[in-house]
């Protein structure tokens, strides 16, 4: 079924262009039926969901407009949901992220990273995962450090945050009391900053 633009023209005889007009209505119905609630159904005019073909390049945006689209992630190399700011501004990959010791990009453009490592006594350098698919920090705004235990019981571990760089967090681990030995423990770190 083909869509015929400019039908009917003022000079058209309706009985002669009726099949083209019907084909146009059928074509419109076919297009609207994709991912939309059907005509005459509850919720008509609304999207069921949105499917977007992956773009090869970011679409241009003018002043006072943004764009939402899909594109291959610069770090994940799979299709990601992307927002582009006005005036062909910054692209923000909103769904990129991965890993148990991993990362994600927040819709605001901030980078969130986390890791869990076994605790060792004294100063411990905790390096962020790195690699071609992991964006590095250019600045770190806030870091949260907690301690846990791998087996039941009191971990008897205290962890103290010391410092951080864009590549690592430094903590100091020690026994919390002198009354017991330490169980097998771990340190969890969560940081937020700029990519």
C-alpha atoms as a PDB file:
ATOM      1  CA  UNK A   1       0.000   0.000   0.000  1.00  0.00           C
ATOM      2  CA  UNK A   2       1.429   3.342  -1.063  1.00  0.00           C
ATOM      3  CA  UNK A   3       0.775   6.748   0.474  1.00  0.00           C
ATOM      4  CA  UNK A   4      -0.191   9.338  -2.131  1.00  0.00           C
ATOM      5  CA  UNK A   5       0.451  12.913  -1.025  1.00  0.00           C
ATOM      6  CA  UNK A   6      -1.813  15.796  -2.079  1.00  0.00           C
ATOM      7  CA  UNK A   7      -4.939  13.703  -2.475  1.00  0.00           C
ATOM      8  CA  UNK A   8      -7.567  14.888  -3.152  1.00  0.00           C
ATOM      9  CA  UNK A   9      -6.580  17.863  -5.286  1.00  0.00           C
ATOM     10  CA  UNK A  10      -9.186  20.543  -5.971  1.00  0.00           C
ATOM     11  CA  UNK A  11      -9.512  19.263  -9.521  1.00  0.00           C
ATOM     12  CA  UNK A  12      -9.883  15.575  -8.505  1.00  0.00           C
ATOM     13  CA  UNK A  13     -13.151  13.781  -8.989  1.00  0.00           C
ATOM     14  CA  UNK A  14     -13.772  12.065  -5.605  1.00  0.00           C
ATOM     15  CA  UNK A  15     -15.122   8.911  -7.165  1.00  0.00           C
ATOM     16  CA  UNK A  16     -11.923   8.555  -9.204  1.00  0.00           C
ATOM     17  CA  UNK A  17      -9.478   9.252  -6.318  1.00  0.00           C
ATOM     18  CA  UNK A  18     -11.481   7.314  -3.700  1.00  0.00           C
ATOM     19  CA  UNK A  19      -9.133   4.302  -3.816  1.00  0.00           C
ATOM     20  CA  UNK A  20      -6.084   6.537  -3.276  1.00  0.00           C
ATOM     21  CA  UNK A  21      -7.787   8.308  -0.353  1.00  0.00           C
ATOM     22  CA  UNK A  22      -8.670   4.932   1.183  1.00  0.00           C
ATOM     23  CA  UNK A  23      -5.089   3.721   0.678  1.00  0.00           C
ATOM     24  CA  UNK A  24      -3.844   6.868   2.451  1.00  0.00           C
ATOM     25  CA  UNK A  25      -6.108   6.239   5.455  1.00  0.00           C
ATOM     26  CA  UNK A  26      -4.978   2.590   5.531  1.00  0.00           C
ATOM     27  CA  UNK A  27      -1.315   3.674   5.370  1.00  0.00           C
ATOM     28  CA  UNK A  28      -1.834   6.151   8.232  1.00  0.00           C
ATOM     29  CA  UNK A  29      -3.561   3.458  10.305  1.00  0.00           C
ATOM     30  CA  UNK A  30      -0.666   1.049   9.644  1.00  0.00           C
ATOM     31  CA  UNK A  31       1.933   3.617  10.727  1.00  0.00           C
ATOM     32  CA  UNK A  32      -0.008   4.707  13.828  1.00  0.00           C
ATOM     33  CA  UNK A  33      -0.569   1.066  14.870  1.00  0.00           C
ATOM     34  CA  UNK A  34       3.185   0.580  15.355  1.00  0.00           C
ATOM     35  CA  UNK A  35       3.864   1.024  19.109  1.00  0.00           C
ATOM     36  CA  UNK A  36       0.676   3.083  19.627  1.00  0.00           C
ATOM     37  CA  UNK A  37      -2.694   2.322  21.165  1.00  0.00           C
ATOM     38  CA  UNK A  38      -5.108   1.665  18.278  1.00  0.00           C
ATOM     39  CA  UNK A  39      -7.750   4.115  17.075  1.00  0.00           C
ATOM     40  CA  UNK A  40     -11.019   3.868  19.037  1.00  0.00           C
ATOM     41  CA  UNK A  41      -9.351   1.952  21.912  1.00  0.00           C
ATOM     42  CA  UNK A  42      -8.966   3.165  25.504  1.00  0.00           C
ATOM     43  CA  UNK A  43      -5.814   5.259  25.625  1.00  0.00           C
ATOM     44  CA  UNK A  44      -5.812   6.006  21.887  1.00  0.00           C
ATOM     45  CA  UNK A  45      -3.216   8.529  20.824  1.00  0.00           C
ATOM     46  CA  UNK A  46      -0.719   7.316  23.425  1.00  0.00           C
ATOM     47  CA  UNK A  47       2.480   5.391  22.874  1.00  0.00           C
ATOM     48  CA  UNK A  48       2.695   1.793  24.081  1.00  0.00           C
ATOM     49  CA  UNK A  49       6.486   2.104  23.990  1.00  0.00           C
ATOM     50  CA  UNK A  50       9.121   3.804  21.862  1.00  0.00           C
ATOM     51  CA  UNK A  51      11.521   2.041  19.519  1.00  0.00           C
ATOM     52  CA  UNK A  52      14.305   4.111  18.033  1.00  0.00           C
ATOM     53  CA  UNK A  53      16.750   2.931  15.404  1.00  0.00           C
ATOM     54  CA  UNK A  54      20.374   3.403  16.417  1.00  0.00           C
ATOM     55  CA  UNK A  55      21.792   6.634  14.995  1.00  0.00           C
ATOM     56  CA  UNK A  56      25.221   6.665  13.379  1.00  0.00           C
ATOM     57  CA  UNK A  57      25.874  10.226  14.525  1.00  0.00           C
ATOM     58  CA  UNK A  58      24.283  12.574  17.036  1.00  0.00           C
ATOM     59  CA  UNK A  59      21.411  14.595  15.574  1.00  0.00           C
ATOM     60  CA  UNK A  60      21.921  18.348  15.508  1.00  0.00           C
ATOM     61  CA  UNK A  61      19.908  20.378  18.006  1.00  0.00           C
ATOM     62  CA  UNK A  62      19.025  24.057  17.815  1.00  0.00           C
ATOM     63  CA  UNK A  63      18.906  26.562  20.676  1.00  0.00           C
ATOM     64  CA  UNK A  64      16.178  25.711  23.210  1.00  0.00           C
ATOM     65  CA  UNK A  65      15.745  22.104  22.064  1.00  0.00           C
ATOM     66  CA  UNK A  66      17.175  18.738  23.046  1.00  0.00           C
ATOM     67  CA  UNK A  67      17.141  15.303  21.441  1.00  0.00           C
ATOM     68  CA  UNK A  68      16.602  11.783  22.799  1.00  0.00           C
ATOM     69  CA  UNK A  69      17.839   8.960  20.570  1.00  0.00           C
ATOM     70  CA  UNK A  70      19.757   5.693  20.576  1.00  0.00           C
ATOM     71  CA  UNK A  71      23.347   5.328  19.492  1.00  0.00           C
ATOM     72  CA  UNK A  72      26.190   2.854  19.999  1.00  0.00           C
ATOM     73  CA  UNK A  73      27.734   3.608  23.387  1.00  0.00           C
ATOM     74  CA  UNK A  74      31.198   5.110  23.354  1.00  0.00           C
ATOM     75  CA  UNK A  75      32.246   2.847  26.229  1.00  0.00           C
ATOM     76  CA  UNK A  76      29.901  -0.138  26.072  1.00  0.00           C
ATOM     77  CA  UNK A  77      29.757  -0.595  22.268  1.00  0.00           C
ATOM     78  CA  UNK A  78      26.071  -1.590  22.515  1.00  0.00           C
ATOM     79  CA  UNK A  79      22.963   0.489  21.836  1.00  0.00           C
ATOM     80  CA  UNK A  80      22.419   3.109  24.561  1.00  0.00           C
ATOM     81  CA  UNK A  81      19.761   5.760  25.189  1.00  0.00           C
ATOM     82  CA  UNK A  82      21.316   9.203  24.689  1.00  0.00           C
ATOM     83  CA  UNK A  83      20.227  12.776  25.423  1.00  0.00           C
ATOM     84  CA  UNK A  84      21.815  15.672  23.545  1.00  0.00           C
ATOM     85  CA  UNK A  85      21.704  19.186  24.967  1.00  0.00           C
ATOM     86  CA  UNK A  86      20.663  22.273  23.024  1.00  0.00           C
ATOM     87  CA  UNK A  87      22.760  23.858  20.265  1.00  0.00           C
ATOM     88  CA  UNK A  88      24.299  20.477  19.368  1.00  0.00           C
ATOM     89  CA  UNK A  89      25.714  20.353  22.876  1.00  0.00           C
ATOM     90  CA  UNK A  90      26.950  17.542  25.111  1.00  0.00           C
ATOM     91  CA  UNK A  91      25.733  13.974  24.548  1.00  0.00           C
ATOM     92  CA  UNK A  92      24.803  12.103  27.744  1.00  0.00           C
ATOM     93  CA  UNK A  93      24.626   8.310  27.514  1.00  0.00           C
ATOM     94  CA  UNK A  94      21.846   7.661  29.991  1.00  0.00           C
ATOM     95  CA  UNK A  95      21.841   3.860  30.081  1.00  0.00           C
ATOM     96  CA  UNK A  96      25.553   3.041  29.894  1.00  0.00           C
ATOM     97  CA  UNK A  97      26.984   1.027  32.775  1.00  0.00           C
ATOM     98  CA  UNK A  98      28.132  -2.417  33.772  1.00  0.00           C
ATOM     99  CA  UNK A  99      29.742  -4.671  36.291  1.00  0.00           C
ATOM    100  CA  UNK A 100      29.761  -5.945  39.861  1.00  0.00           C
ATOM    101  CA  UNK A 101      32.720  -3.644  40.336  1.00  0.00           C
ATOM    102  CA  UNK A 102      31.388  -1.205  37.840  1.00  0.00           C
ATOM    103  CA  UNK A 103      29.955   2.090  36.783  1.00  0.00           C
ATOM    104  CA  UNK A 104      26.960   3.873  35.290  1.00  0.00           C
ATOM    105  CA  UNK A 105      26.318   7.241  33.740  1.00  0.00           C
ATOM    106  CA  UNK A 106      23.502   9.167  35.363  1.00  0.00           C
ATOM    107  CA  UNK A 107      21.093  11.198  33.193  1.00  0.00           C
ATOM    108  CA  UNK A 108      22.649  14.399  34.565  1.00  0.00           C
ATOM    109  CA  UNK A 109      25.998  13.401  33.026  1.00  0.00           C
ATOM    110  CA  UNK A 110      27.556  12.398  36.354  1.00  0.00           C
ATOM    111  CA  UNK A 111      29.558   9.181  36.631  1.00  0.00           C
ATOM    112  CA  UNK A 112      28.796   6.715  39.438  1.00  0.00           C
ATOM    113  CA  UNK A 113      31.349   3.962  40.240  1.00  0.00           C
ATOM    114  CA  UNK A 114      31.305   1.176  42.833  1.00  0.00           C
ATOM    115  CA  UNK A 115      33.472  -1.719  43.960  1.00  0.00           C
ATOM    116  CA  UNK A 116      33.684  -4.415  46.617  1.00  0.00           C
ATOM    117  CA  UNK A 117      37.129  -5.690  47.683  1.00  0.00           C
ATOM    118  CA  UNK A 118      38.495  -7.888  50.468  1.00  0.00           C
ATOM    119  CA  UNK A 119      39.707  -5.866  53.429  1.00  0.00           C
ATOM    120  CA  UNK A 120      43.380  -5.989  54.352  1.00  0.00           C
ATOM    121  CA  UNK A 121      44.929  -4.459  57.479  1.00  0.00           C
ATOM    122  CA  UNK A 122      46.426  -0.975  57.261  1.00  0.00           C
ATOM    123  CA  UNK A 123      46.373   1.388  54.312  1.00  0.00           C
ATOM    124  CA  UNK A 124      44.623  -0.111  51.324  1.00  0.00           C
ATOM    125  CA  UNK A 125      44.629   1.404  47.826  1.00  0.00           C
ATOM    126  CA  UNK A 126      41.363   0.585  46.068  1.00  0.00           C
ATOM    127  CA  UNK A 127      41.761   1.196  42.346  1.00  0.00           C
ATOM    128  CA  UNK A 128      38.748   1.855  40.175  1.00  0.00           C
ATOM    129  CA  UNK A 129      38.185  -0.700  37.424  1.00  0.00           C
ATOM    130  CA  UNK A 130      39.736   0.507  34.170  1.00  0.00           C
ATOM    131  CA  UNK A 131      39.588  -0.535  30.571  1.00  0.00           C
ATOM    132  CA  UNK A 132      38.488   0.576  27.125  1.00  0.00           C
ATOM    133  CA  UNK A 133      34.782   0.325  28.022  1.00  0.00           C
ATOM    134  CA  UNK A 134      35.039   2.089  31.421  1.00  0.00           C
ATOM    135  CA  UNK A 135      35.083   5.896  31.539  1.00  0.00           C
ATOM    136  CA  UNK A 136      37.646   7.315  34.000  1.00  0.00           C
ATOM    137  CA  UNK A 137      36.833  10.006  36.544  1.00  0.00           C
ATOM    138  CA  UNK A 138      38.048  13.507  35.703  1.00  0.00           C
ATOM    139  CA  UNK A 139      36.841  14.698  39.127  1.00  0.00           C
ATOM    140  CA  UNK A 140      35.378  12.948  42.187  1.00  0.00           C
ATOM    141  CA  UNK A 141      32.741  14.805  44.224  1.00  0.00           C
ATOM    142  CA  UNK A 142      31.767  12.339  46.962  1.00  0.00           C
ATOM    143  CA  UNK A 143      32.847   8.901  48.188  1.00  0.00           C
ATOM    144  CA  UNK A 144      31.019   6.552  50.562  1.00  0.00           C
ATOM    145  CA  UNK A 145      32.936   3.680  52.217  1.00  0.00           C
ATOM    146  CA  UNK A 146      31.322   0.850  54.204  1.00  0.00           C
ATOM    147  CA  UNK A 147      32.517  -2.456  55.658  1.00  0.00           C
ATOM    148  CA  UNK A 148      30.891  -5.877  55.705  1.00  0.00           C
ATOM    149  CA  UNK A 149      31.556  -9.484  56.593  1.00  0.00           C
ATOM    150  CA  UNK A 150      31.739 -12.506  54.273  1.00  0.00           C
ATOM    151  CA  UNK A 151      30.724 -14.989  56.982  1.00  0.00           C
ATOM    152  CA  UNK A 152      28.372 -14.756  59.948  1.00  0.00           C
ATOM    153  CA  UNK A 153      29.364 -12.911  63.057  1.00  0.00           C
ATOM    154  CA  UNK A 154      30.945  -9.613  63.960  1.00  0.00           C
ATOM    155  CA  UNK A 155      33.479  -8.508  61.357  1.00  0.00           C
ATOM    156  CA  UNK A 156      35.323  -6.497  64.036  1.00  0.00           C
ATOM    157  CA  UNK A 157      36.678  -4.314  61.234  1.00  0.00           C
ATOM    158  CA  UNK A 158      36.776  -0.541  61.167  1.00  0.00           C
ATOM    159  CA  UNK A 159      37.385   1.263  57.900  1.00  0.00           C
ATOM    160  CA  UNK A 160      38.474   4.879  57.663  1.00  0.00           C
ATOM    161  CA  UNK A 161      38.357   6.889  54.473  1.00  0.00           C
ATOM    162  CA  UNK A 162      41.682   8.651  53.951  1.00  0.00           C
ATOM    163  CA  UNK A 163      41.820  10.199  50.487  1.00  0.00           C
ATOM    164  CA  UNK A 164      40.907   9.727  46.859  1.00  0.00           C
ATOM    165  CA  UNK A 165      42.138  10.541  43.394  1.00  0.00           C
ATOM    166  CA  UNK A 166      40.454  10.064  40.051  1.00  0.00           C
ATOM    167  CA  UNK A 167      42.125   6.618  39.891  1.00  0.00           C
ATOM    168  CA  UNK A 168      41.710   5.231  43.420  1.00  0.00           C
ATOM    169  CA  UNK A 169      40.347   5.534  46.946  1.00  0.00           C
ATOM    170  CA  UNK A 170      42.664   5.045  49.934  1.00  0.00           C
ATOM    171  CA  UNK A 171      41.210   3.605  53.146  1.00  0.00           C
ATOM    172  CA  UNK A 172      42.690   2.420  56.432  1.00  0.00           C
ATOM    173  CA  UNK A 173      41.396  -0.881  57.827  1.00  0.00           C
ATOM    174  CA  UNK A 174      41.900  -1.985  61.414  1.00  0.00           C
ATOM    175  CA  UNK A 175      40.337  -4.103  64.122  1.00  0.00           C
ATOM    176  CA  UNK A 176      37.462  -2.260  65.740  1.00  0.00           C
ATOM    177  CA  UNK A 177      38.214  -3.728  69.195  1.00  0.00           C
ATOM    178  CA  UNK A 178      41.051  -5.627  70.850  1.00  0.00           C
ATOM    179  CA  UNK A 179      38.652  -8.255  72.190  1.00  0.00           C
ATOM    180  CA  UNK A 180      38.379 -10.482  69.138  1.00  0.00           C
ATOM    181  CA  UNK A 181      40.041 -11.343  65.900  1.00  0.00           C
ATOM    182  CA  UNK A 182      38.648 -10.148  62.609  1.00  0.00           C
ATOM    183  CA  UNK A 183      36.304 -12.243  60.535  1.00  0.00           C
ATOM    184  CA  UNK A 184      36.721 -12.270  56.775  1.00  0.00           C
ATOM    185  CA  UNK A 185      35.547  -8.818  55.759  1.00  0.00           C
ATOM    186  CA  UNK A 186      35.175  -6.602  52.747  1.00  0.00           C
ATOM    187  CA  UNK A 187      35.078  -2.926  51.917  1.00  0.00           C
ATOM    188  CA  UNK A 188      32.435  -1.392  49.637  1.00  0.00           C
ATOM    189  CA  UNK A 189      33.070   1.931  47.928  1.00  0.00           C
ATOM    190  CA  UNK A 190      30.670   4.172  46.021  1.00  0.00           C
ATOM    191  CA  UNK A 191      31.835   7.407  44.361  1.00  0.00           C
ATOM    192  CA  UNK A 192      30.186  10.043  42.217  1.00  0.00           C
ATOM    193  CA  UNK A 193      31.951  12.521  39.980  1.00  0.00           C
ATOM    194  CA  UNK A 194      32.543  13.697  36.435  1.00  0.00           C
ATOM    195  CA  UNK A 195      33.723  11.508  33.554  1.00  0.00           C
END
